[in-house]
N, C-alpha and C. Protein backbone atom coordinates (compact mmCIF):
# COMPACT_ATOMS: atom_id res chain seq x y z
N MET A 1 14.08 -8.73 -32.32
CA MET A 1 12.93 -7.85 -32.17
C MET A 1 13.36 -6.43 -32.51
N GLN A 2 12.52 -5.76 -33.26
CA GLN A 2 12.71 -4.36 -33.58
C GLN A 2 11.92 -3.53 -32.56
N THR A 3 12.52 -2.45 -32.09
CA THR A 3 11.87 -1.60 -31.11
C THR A 3 11.28 -0.37 -31.78
N ILE A 4 10.01 -0.11 -31.50
CA ILE A 4 9.32 1.08 -32.00
C ILE A 4 9.29 2.16 -30.93
N ILE A 5 8.87 1.78 -29.74
CA ILE A 5 8.81 2.68 -28.58
C ILE A 5 9.45 1.94 -27.41
N ASN A 6 10.22 2.67 -26.62
CA ASN A 6 10.81 2.06 -25.43
C ASN A 6 11.02 3.14 -24.37
N ASN A 7 10.17 3.10 -23.33
CA ASN A 7 10.38 4.00 -22.20
C ASN A 7 10.06 3.24 -20.92
N ASP A 8 10.10 3.92 -19.79
CA ASP A 8 9.92 3.26 -18.50
C ASP A 8 8.54 2.63 -18.33
N CYS A 9 7.53 3.17 -19.01
CA CYS A 9 6.15 2.72 -18.81
C CYS A 9 5.62 1.82 -19.91
N PHE A 10 6.18 1.94 -21.12
CA PHE A 10 5.58 1.24 -22.24
C PHE A 10 6.60 1.01 -23.36
N SER A 11 6.49 -0.15 -24.00
CA SER A 11 7.31 -0.39 -25.18
C SER A 11 6.54 -1.24 -26.18
N ILE A 12 6.88 -1.03 -27.46
CA ILE A 12 6.35 -1.83 -28.55
C ILE A 12 7.54 -2.41 -29.29
N LEU A 13 7.52 -3.73 -29.45
CA LEU A 13 8.54 -4.43 -30.21
C LEU A 13 7.85 -5.34 -31.21
N TYR A 14 8.52 -5.64 -32.32
CA TYR A 14 7.92 -6.57 -33.28
C TYR A 14 9.02 -7.38 -33.95
N ASN A 15 8.61 -8.53 -34.48
CA ASN A 15 9.51 -9.43 -35.18
C ASN A 15 8.81 -9.90 -36.45
N THR A 16 9.33 -9.51 -37.61
CA THR A 16 8.67 -9.88 -38.86
C THR A 16 8.91 -11.34 -39.22
N GLU A 17 9.95 -11.97 -38.67
CA GLU A 17 10.19 -13.39 -38.95
C GLU A 17 9.17 -14.27 -38.24
N THR A 18 8.95 -14.01 -36.96
CA THR A 18 7.98 -14.81 -36.20
C THR A 18 6.58 -14.21 -36.29
N ARG A 19 6.48 -13.00 -36.87
CA ARG A 19 5.22 -12.28 -37.08
C ARG A 19 4.50 -11.97 -35.76
N VAL A 20 5.31 -11.51 -34.78
CA VAL A 20 4.82 -11.22 -33.43
C VAL A 20 5.02 -9.74 -33.12
N ILE A 21 4.02 -9.15 -32.48
CA ILE A 21 4.17 -7.83 -31.87
C ILE A 21 4.06 -8.03 -30.37
N ARG A 22 4.90 -7.30 -29.61
CA ARG A 22 4.87 -7.42 -28.15
C ARG A 22 4.78 -6.03 -27.54
N LEU A 23 3.84 -5.88 -26.62
CA LEU A 23 3.68 -4.65 -25.87
C LEU A 23 4.05 -4.93 -24.43
N ASP A 24 4.95 -4.13 -23.87
CA ASP A 24 5.33 -4.24 -22.47
C ASP A 24 4.73 -3.05 -21.72
N TRP A 25 3.90 -3.34 -20.72
CA TRP A 25 3.19 -2.32 -19.95
C TRP A 25 3.75 -2.29 -18.53
N ASN A 26 3.81 -1.08 -17.92
CA ASN A 26 4.31 -0.96 -16.55
C ASN A 26 3.56 0.16 -15.85
N GLY A 27 2.75 -0.19 -14.85
CA GLY A 27 2.04 0.80 -14.05
C GLY A 27 0.63 1.07 -14.51
N PHE A 28 0.12 2.22 -14.12
CA PHE A 28 -1.24 2.64 -14.46
C PHE A 28 -1.20 3.58 -15.67
N PHE A 29 -2.18 3.46 -16.56
CA PHE A 29 -2.25 4.30 -17.74
C PHE A 29 -3.55 5.09 -17.75
N ARG A 30 -3.42 6.39 -17.98
CA ARG A 30 -4.61 7.21 -18.19
C ARG A 30 -5.29 6.73 -19.47
N SER A 31 -6.59 6.96 -19.57
CA SER A 31 -7.35 6.49 -20.73
C SER A 31 -6.72 6.92 -22.04
N GLU A 32 -6.34 8.18 -22.12
CA GLU A 32 -5.76 8.70 -23.36
C GLU A 32 -4.52 7.90 -23.77
N ASP A 33 -3.65 7.62 -22.82
CA ASP A 33 -2.42 6.89 -23.12
C ASP A 33 -2.69 5.41 -23.43
N TYR A 34 -3.56 4.80 -22.65
CA TYR A 34 -3.92 3.40 -22.87
C TYR A 34 -4.45 3.21 -24.28
N ARG A 35 -5.39 4.03 -24.68
CA ARG A 35 -6.03 3.90 -25.99
C ARG A 35 -5.05 4.25 -27.12
N LYS A 36 -4.28 5.30 -26.92
CA LYS A 36 -3.30 5.72 -27.93
C LYS A 36 -2.28 4.59 -28.16
N ASN A 37 -1.82 3.98 -27.09
CA ASN A 37 -0.83 2.90 -27.21
C ASN A 37 -1.41 1.70 -27.95
N LEU A 38 -2.62 1.29 -27.60
CA LEU A 38 -3.23 0.15 -28.29
C LEU A 38 -3.50 0.46 -29.75
N ASP A 39 -3.98 1.65 -30.05
CA ASP A 39 -4.25 2.01 -31.44
C ASP A 39 -2.96 2.07 -32.26
N TYR A 40 -1.91 2.65 -31.68
CA TYR A 40 -0.64 2.73 -32.40
C TYR A 40 -0.07 1.33 -32.66
N ALA A 41 -0.13 0.48 -31.66
CA ALA A 41 0.36 -0.90 -31.82
C ALA A 41 -0.44 -1.63 -32.89
N LEU A 42 -1.74 -1.38 -32.96
CA LEU A 42 -2.57 -2.03 -33.98
C LEU A 42 -2.14 -1.58 -35.38
N GLU A 43 -1.77 -0.32 -35.53
CA GLU A 43 -1.27 0.16 -36.83
C GLU A 43 0.03 -0.53 -37.21
N ILE A 44 0.93 -0.72 -36.24
CA ILE A 44 2.18 -1.44 -36.50
C ILE A 44 1.87 -2.88 -36.90
N PHE A 45 0.94 -3.49 -36.18
CA PHE A 45 0.54 -4.87 -36.47
C PHE A 45 0.08 -4.99 -37.92
N LYS A 46 -0.75 -4.08 -38.36
CA LYS A 46 -1.28 -4.12 -39.72
C LYS A 46 -0.18 -3.79 -40.74
N LYS A 47 0.64 -2.82 -40.44
CA LYS A 47 1.69 -2.39 -41.38
C LYS A 47 2.63 -3.53 -41.73
N TYR A 48 3.02 -4.32 -40.73
CA TYR A 48 3.99 -5.39 -40.94
C TYR A 48 3.35 -6.77 -41.14
N ARG A 49 2.01 -6.78 -41.22
CA ARG A 49 1.25 -8.00 -41.46
C ARG A 49 1.64 -9.11 -40.47
N LEU A 50 1.57 -8.75 -39.20
CA LEU A 50 1.92 -9.70 -38.14
C LEU A 50 0.72 -10.59 -37.85
N LYS A 51 0.91 -11.62 -37.05
CA LYS A 51 -0.17 -12.57 -36.74
C LYS A 51 -0.43 -12.74 -35.25
N LYS A 52 0.63 -12.68 -34.44
CA LYS A 52 0.46 -12.89 -32.99
C LYS A 52 0.67 -11.59 -32.25
N TRP A 53 -0.11 -11.45 -31.19
CA TRP A 53 -0.05 -10.26 -30.34
C TRP A 53 0.26 -10.71 -28.92
N VAL A 54 1.34 -10.16 -28.34
CA VAL A 54 1.71 -10.47 -26.96
C VAL A 54 1.61 -9.20 -26.14
N ASN A 55 0.77 -9.25 -25.11
CA ASN A 55 0.66 -8.16 -24.14
C ASN A 55 1.37 -8.60 -22.87
N ASN A 56 2.54 -8.04 -22.63
CA ASN A 56 3.26 -8.32 -21.39
C ASN A 56 2.76 -7.33 -20.34
N MET A 57 1.81 -7.80 -19.53
CA MET A 57 1.16 -6.94 -18.55
C MET A 57 1.57 -7.30 -17.12
N LYS A 58 2.71 -7.94 -17.00
CA LYS A 58 3.18 -8.42 -15.70
C LYS A 58 3.19 -7.31 -14.64
N TYR A 59 3.54 -6.09 -15.05
CA TYR A 59 3.68 -5.00 -14.09
C TYR A 59 2.66 -3.88 -14.31
N MET A 60 1.56 -4.22 -14.98
CA MET A 60 0.52 -3.23 -15.23
C MET A 60 -0.52 -3.29 -14.11
N SER A 61 -1.08 -2.11 -13.80
CA SER A 61 -2.13 -2.09 -12.78
C SER A 61 -3.50 -2.06 -13.45
N VAL A 62 -4.53 -1.76 -12.70
CA VAL A 62 -5.92 -1.85 -13.13
C VAL A 62 -6.19 -1.06 -14.42
N ILE A 63 -7.14 -1.58 -15.21
CA ILE A 63 -7.64 -0.88 -16.39
C ILE A 63 -9.02 -0.36 -16.01
N SER A 64 -9.25 0.93 -16.21
CA SER A 64 -10.52 1.54 -15.79
C SER A 64 -11.71 0.86 -16.48
N LEU A 65 -12.89 0.98 -15.87
CA LEU A 65 -14.11 0.42 -16.46
C LEU A 65 -14.39 1.02 -17.83
N GLN A 66 -14.15 2.32 -17.98
CA GLN A 66 -14.37 2.97 -19.27
C GLN A 66 -13.43 2.39 -20.34
N ASP A 67 -12.20 2.12 -19.96
CA ASP A 67 -11.25 1.57 -20.92
C ASP A 67 -11.53 0.09 -21.20
N GLN A 68 -12.06 -0.61 -20.23
CA GLN A 68 -12.49 -1.99 -20.49
C GLN A 68 -13.61 -1.99 -21.52
N ASP A 69 -14.58 -1.09 -21.33
CA ASP A 69 -15.70 -0.98 -22.28
C ASP A 69 -15.20 -0.59 -23.67
N TRP A 70 -14.30 0.37 -23.73
CA TRP A 70 -13.73 0.80 -25.03
C TRP A 70 -13.01 -0.37 -25.70
N THR A 71 -12.23 -1.11 -24.91
CA THR A 71 -11.50 -2.26 -25.46
C THR A 71 -12.48 -3.26 -26.04
N ASN A 72 -13.52 -3.57 -25.28
CA ASN A 72 -14.50 -4.57 -25.73
C ASN A 72 -15.32 -4.09 -26.92
N ASN A 73 -15.80 -2.87 -26.88
CA ASN A 73 -16.77 -2.40 -27.86
C ASN A 73 -16.18 -1.68 -29.07
N ASP A 74 -14.90 -1.40 -29.03
CA ASP A 74 -14.27 -0.69 -30.14
C ASP A 74 -13.02 -1.44 -30.60
N TRP A 75 -12.05 -1.53 -29.73
CA TRP A 75 -10.73 -2.02 -30.12
C TRP A 75 -10.71 -3.49 -30.52
N LEU A 76 -11.37 -4.36 -29.77
CA LEU A 76 -11.33 -5.79 -30.09
C LEU A 76 -11.88 -6.09 -31.48
N GLY A 77 -12.93 -5.42 -31.88
CA GLY A 77 -13.47 -5.61 -33.22
C GLY A 77 -12.45 -5.25 -34.29
N ARG A 78 -11.71 -4.18 -34.06
CA ARG A 78 -10.70 -3.76 -35.02
C ARG A 78 -9.52 -4.73 -35.05
N THR A 79 -9.23 -5.37 -33.91
CA THR A 79 -8.13 -6.35 -33.92
C THR A 79 -8.52 -7.57 -34.74
N LEU A 80 -9.76 -7.99 -34.63
CA LEU A 80 -10.21 -9.13 -35.42
C LEU A 80 -10.18 -8.80 -36.91
N GLU A 81 -10.59 -7.60 -37.26
CA GLU A 81 -10.53 -7.17 -38.66
C GLU A 81 -9.10 -7.13 -39.18
N ALA A 82 -8.16 -6.82 -38.29
CA ALA A 82 -6.74 -6.73 -38.68
C ALA A 82 -6.11 -8.09 -38.87
N GLY A 83 -6.79 -9.16 -38.43
CA GLY A 83 -6.29 -10.50 -38.66
C GLY A 83 -5.47 -11.12 -37.53
N ILE A 84 -5.66 -10.63 -36.32
CA ILE A 84 -4.94 -11.24 -35.20
C ILE A 84 -5.42 -12.67 -35.05
N SER A 85 -4.48 -13.61 -35.10
CA SER A 85 -4.85 -15.02 -34.98
C SER A 85 -4.68 -15.54 -33.56
N GLN A 86 -3.86 -14.86 -32.78
CA GLN A 86 -3.64 -15.32 -31.41
C GLN A 86 -3.21 -14.14 -30.55
N MET A 87 -3.77 -14.06 -29.35
CA MET A 87 -3.37 -13.06 -28.38
C MET A 87 -2.87 -13.77 -27.14
N ILE A 88 -1.68 -13.40 -26.72
CA ILE A 88 -1.06 -13.98 -25.54
C ILE A 88 -0.92 -12.88 -24.50
N ILE A 89 -1.36 -13.17 -23.29
CA ILE A 89 -1.30 -12.19 -22.21
C ILE A 89 -0.41 -12.73 -21.10
N VAL A 90 0.66 -11.98 -20.79
CA VAL A 90 1.46 -12.29 -19.61
C VAL A 90 0.74 -11.60 -18.46
N GLU A 91 0.21 -12.41 -17.56
CA GLU A 91 -0.68 -11.92 -16.52
C GLU A 91 0.04 -11.04 -15.50
N SER A 92 -0.66 -10.01 -15.07
CA SER A 92 -0.16 -9.08 -14.06
C SER A 92 -0.20 -9.73 -12.68
N ASP A 93 0.67 -9.25 -11.83
CA ASP A 93 0.65 -9.66 -10.44
C ASP A 93 -0.43 -8.90 -9.66
N ASP A 94 -0.94 -7.81 -10.24
CA ASP A 94 -1.93 -6.95 -9.61
C ASP A 94 -3.32 -7.60 -9.70
N VAL A 95 -3.95 -7.86 -8.56
CA VAL A 95 -5.25 -8.52 -8.52
C VAL A 95 -6.32 -7.70 -9.24
N PHE A 96 -6.27 -6.38 -9.12
CA PHE A 96 -7.27 -5.53 -9.78
C PHE A 96 -7.11 -5.59 -11.30
N HIS A 97 -5.89 -5.68 -11.75
CA HIS A 97 -5.66 -5.82 -13.18
C HIS A 97 -6.18 -7.18 -13.67
N GLN A 98 -5.99 -8.21 -12.88
CA GLN A 98 -6.48 -9.54 -13.26
C GLN A 98 -8.00 -9.52 -13.46
N VAL A 99 -8.71 -8.82 -12.59
CA VAL A 99 -10.16 -8.70 -12.73
C VAL A 99 -10.50 -7.95 -14.02
N SER A 100 -9.79 -6.86 -14.28
CA SER A 100 -9.99 -6.09 -15.52
C SER A 100 -9.82 -6.98 -16.74
N MET A 101 -8.76 -7.76 -16.75
CA MET A 101 -8.47 -8.60 -17.91
C MET A 101 -9.47 -9.73 -18.07
N ARG A 102 -9.99 -10.25 -16.97
CA ARG A 102 -11.03 -11.29 -17.09
C ARG A 102 -12.27 -10.73 -17.79
N ASN A 103 -12.62 -9.49 -17.46
CA ASN A 103 -13.77 -8.85 -18.12
C ASN A 103 -13.53 -8.72 -19.62
N ILE A 104 -12.34 -8.30 -20.00
CA ILE A 104 -12.00 -8.15 -21.41
C ILE A 104 -11.91 -9.51 -22.08
N GLN A 105 -11.29 -10.45 -21.41
CA GLN A 105 -11.12 -11.79 -21.98
C GLN A 105 -12.46 -12.48 -22.22
N ASN A 106 -13.39 -12.33 -21.31
CA ASN A 106 -14.71 -12.94 -21.50
C ASN A 106 -15.37 -12.43 -22.77
N TYR A 107 -15.26 -11.14 -23.00
CA TYR A 107 -15.84 -10.56 -24.21
C TYR A 107 -15.08 -11.02 -25.45
N ALA A 108 -13.76 -11.05 -25.37
CA ALA A 108 -12.94 -11.49 -26.50
C ALA A 108 -13.29 -12.92 -26.89
N ASN A 109 -13.50 -13.77 -25.90
CA ASN A 109 -13.87 -15.16 -26.19
C ASN A 109 -15.20 -15.23 -26.93
N LEU A 110 -16.16 -14.39 -26.55
CA LEU A 110 -17.44 -14.36 -27.25
C LEU A 110 -17.28 -13.92 -28.71
N CYS A 111 -16.28 -13.09 -28.95
CA CYS A 111 -16.03 -12.60 -30.32
C CYS A 111 -15.21 -13.58 -31.15
N GLY A 112 -14.70 -14.63 -30.51
CA GLY A 112 -13.94 -15.64 -31.24
C GLY A 112 -12.43 -15.41 -31.29
N LEU A 113 -11.92 -14.50 -30.46
CA LEU A 113 -10.48 -14.27 -30.42
C LEU A 113 -9.81 -15.32 -29.54
N ARG A 114 -8.83 -16.02 -30.11
CA ARG A 114 -8.06 -17.00 -29.32
C ARG A 114 -7.17 -16.25 -28.36
N TRP A 115 -7.25 -16.61 -27.11
CA TRP A 115 -6.59 -15.87 -26.04
C TRP A 115 -5.88 -16.86 -25.14
N GLN A 116 -4.62 -16.60 -24.82
CA GLN A 116 -3.87 -17.49 -23.95
C GLN A 116 -3.23 -16.67 -22.85
N ASN A 117 -3.48 -17.05 -21.61
CA ASN A 117 -2.85 -16.41 -20.46
C ASN A 117 -1.62 -17.22 -20.07
N VAL A 118 -0.52 -16.52 -19.82
CA VAL A 118 0.71 -17.16 -19.36
C VAL A 118 1.24 -16.39 -18.16
N GLU A 119 2.08 -17.04 -17.37
CA GLU A 119 2.60 -16.40 -16.16
C GLU A 119 3.87 -15.61 -16.40
N LYS A 120 4.63 -15.98 -17.43
CA LYS A 120 5.89 -15.27 -17.69
C LYS A 120 6.14 -15.16 -19.18
N LEU A 121 6.99 -14.24 -19.54
CA LEU A 121 7.31 -13.99 -20.93
C LEU A 121 8.41 -14.96 -21.36
N ASP A 122 8.05 -15.94 -22.17
CA ASP A 122 9.01 -16.91 -22.66
C ASP A 122 9.60 -16.45 -23.97
N LYS A 123 10.73 -17.00 -24.31
CA LYS A 123 11.41 -16.65 -25.55
C LYS A 123 10.53 -16.92 -26.78
N GLU A 124 9.68 -17.91 -26.72
CA GLU A 124 8.83 -18.24 -27.86
C GLU A 124 7.85 -17.13 -28.21
N TYR A 125 7.66 -16.17 -27.30
CA TYR A 125 6.72 -15.09 -27.53
C TYR A 125 7.42 -13.82 -28.03
N CYS A 126 8.67 -13.96 -28.44
CA CYS A 126 9.44 -12.79 -28.84
C CYS A 126 9.77 -12.80 -30.32
């Protein structure tokens, strides 16, 4: 995996052989940072013509209602246009985050995005 960003709260890694991008989230993100991180990762995804997207949200907390709406009504459409064939989510231990993700996942399913929830980050997702 190649590392693009790596800090205590967020990292972006990608693998051109397996065509996977992985985002590791930790804690709560202000709207500006949440959106900036997703948009930047989407640019990396497109630049390297990747196919799978892994969101490691094991240690992420709640996503605000405004950011859930933005994700559903703006970002998800752009991910489909970029050619994401599969999205894998490592589920958070935070109950409030789980509710946030269910709201986003329900909308993603309506849009036709294949979505898989997993409990831990396995080597196959790297």
